Amino acid sequence: MNAPDDPLAPLGHDFKEPWHAQVLAGAQALIRAGHLDPTTWAETLGAALREAEAAGAPDTEETYYLAALSALEQVAPFGAETLTARKTAWAEAYRRTPHGKPVVL
């Protein structure tokens, strides 16, 4: 792999799945809207990544996504009941959606 011209420049990484990017975009949206403190997000994400590492998870994009999702769920500005209800509604919508069609809640 060649070194970038600017070693401090972002790598220009593409996410494997759209939801990998969406979890980070969700955190960014909460920060911009003033619902989440950036320091709290960084600390919570860092703790989730350390937990994954301690559990022996491989250093992959999937591991990072799962840690980011866990962190976002921990700091989300709504309660566990709302999160559980939303997950249930999504699972039900997914099961009734024909193959190849977008899931609509």
Protein backbone atom coordinates (compact mmCIF):
# COMPACT_ATOMS: atom_id res chain seq x y z
CA MET A 1 0.00 0.00 0.00
CA ASN A 2 1.35 3.41 -0.93
CA ALA A 3 1.54 6.13 1.67
CA PRO A 4 -0.79 9.07 1.05
CA ASP A 5 0.70 12.38 -0.07
CA ASP A 6 -0.62 13.92 3.15
CA PRO A 7 -0.26 11.41 6.01
CA LEU A 8 -2.81 13.38 8.05
CA ALA A 9 -5.44 13.30 5.30
CA PRO A 10 -8.42 10.97 5.73
CA LEU A 11 -8.04 7.64 3.96
CA GLY A 12 -11.15 8.16 1.85
CA HIS A 13 -12.51 4.87 3.11
CA ASP A 14 -15.77 3.51 1.72
CA PHE A 15 -18.02 1.61 4.11
CA LYS A 16 -18.91 -1.98 3.22
CA GLU A 17 -22.55 -1.48 4.17
CA PRO A 18 -24.68 1.69 4.29
CA TRP A 19 -25.66 1.05 7.91
CA HIS A 20 -22.00 1.20 8.92
CA ALA A 21 -21.95 4.82 7.80
CA GLN A 22 -25.45 5.52 9.12
CA VAL A 23 -24.57 4.72 12.73
CA LEU A 24 -21.77 7.30 12.64
CA ALA A 25 -24.00 9.77 10.81
CA GLY A 26 -26.61 9.29 13.53
CA ALA A 27 -24.10 10.17 16.22
CA GLN A 28 -22.97 13.20 14.23
CA ALA A 29 -26.58 14.35 13.77
CA LEU A 30 -27.19 14.10 17.53
CA ILE A 31 -24.03 16.08 18.21
CA ARG A 32 -24.94 18.81 15.71
CA ALA A 33 -28.47 19.05 17.12
CA GLY A 34 -27.06 19.52 20.61
CA HIS A 35 -28.50 16.24 21.95
CA LEU A 36 -25.12 14.60 22.44
CA ASP A 37 -21.87 15.99 23.76
CA PRO A 38 -18.90 15.09 21.50
CA THR A 39 -16.75 14.16 24.50
CA THR A 40 -19.43 11.81 25.81
CA TRP A 41 -19.67 10.20 22.36
CA ALA A 42 -15.89 9.77 22.08
CA GLU A 43 -15.63 8.29 25.58
CA THR A 44 -18.57 5.92 25.07
CA LEU A 45 -17.31 4.76 21.67
CA GLY A 46 -13.80 4.29 23.06
CA ALA A 47 -15.16 2.19 25.93
CA ALA A 48 -17.18 0.04 23.51
CA LEU A 49 -14.10 -0.51 21.34
CA ARG A 50 -12.02 -1.47 24.39
CA GLU A 51 -14.74 -3.93 25.45
CA ALA A 52 -14.71 -5.51 21.98
CA GLU A 53 -10.93 -5.79 22.06
CA ALA A 54 -10.97 -7.32 25.56
CA ALA A 55 -13.55 -9.84 24.34
CA GLY A 56 -11.18 -10.88 21.54
CA ALA A 57 -13.15 -9.33 18.67
CA PRO A 58 -11.10 -8.97 15.49
CA ASP A 59 -10.01 -5.51 14.34
CA THR A 60 -12.50 -5.24 11.47
CA GLU A 61 -15.02 -2.77 10.16
CA GLU A 62 -17.82 -5.02 11.46
CA THR A 63 -16.37 -4.91 14.98
CA TYR A 64 -16.11 -1.12 14.77
CA TYR A 65 -19.70 -0.87 13.52
CA LEU A 66 -21.02 -3.06 16.34
CA ALA A 67 -19.09 -1.03 18.92
CA ALA A 68 -20.38 2.24 17.41
CA LEU A 69 -23.95 0.91 17.41
CA SER A 70 -23.64 -0.18 21.02
CA ALA A 71 -22.23 3.22 21.98
CA LEU A 72 -24.98 5.06 20.10
CA GLU A 73 -27.65 2.99 21.82
CA GLN A 74 -26.08 3.86 25.19
CA VAL A 75 -26.10 7.62 24.61
CA ALA A 76 -29.28 7.96 22.54
CA PRO A 77 -31.57 10.67 23.90
CA PHE A 78 -34.51 8.29 24.36
CA GLY A 79 -35.23 5.45 26.73
CA ALA A 80 -34.69 1.73 26.42
CA GLU A 81 -38.44 1.18 25.91
CA THR A 82 -38.44 3.39 22.82
CA LEU A 83 -35.39 1.60 21.43
CA THR A 84 -36.94 -1.82 22.06
CA ALA A 85 -40.23 -0.76 20.44
CA ARG A 86 -38.40 0.57 17.38
CA LYS A 87 -36.34 -2.62 17.02
CA THR A 88 -39.52 -4.71 17.26
CA ALA A 89 -41.31 -2.55 14.68
CA TRP A 90 -38.33 -2.83 12.32
CA ALA A 91 -38.14 -6.62 12.71
CA GLU A 92 -41.86 -6.96 11.98
CA ALA A 93 -41.58 -4.71 8.92
CA TYR A 94 -38.57 -6.68 7.71
CA ARG A 95 -40.39 -10.01 8.02
CA ARG A 96 -43.41 -8.81 6.03
CA THR A 97 -41.36 -7.12 3.28
CA PRO A 98 -41.01 -9.15 0.06
CA HIS A 99 -37.46 -10.10 -0.90
CA GLY A 100 -35.70 -7.37 -2.84
CA LYS A 101 -38.08 -4.62 -1.71
CA PRO A 102 -37.09 -1.83 0.70
CA VAL A 103 -38.23 -2.17 4.29
CA VAL A 104 -40.73 0.53 5.20
CA LEU A 105 -41.69 1.31 8.78
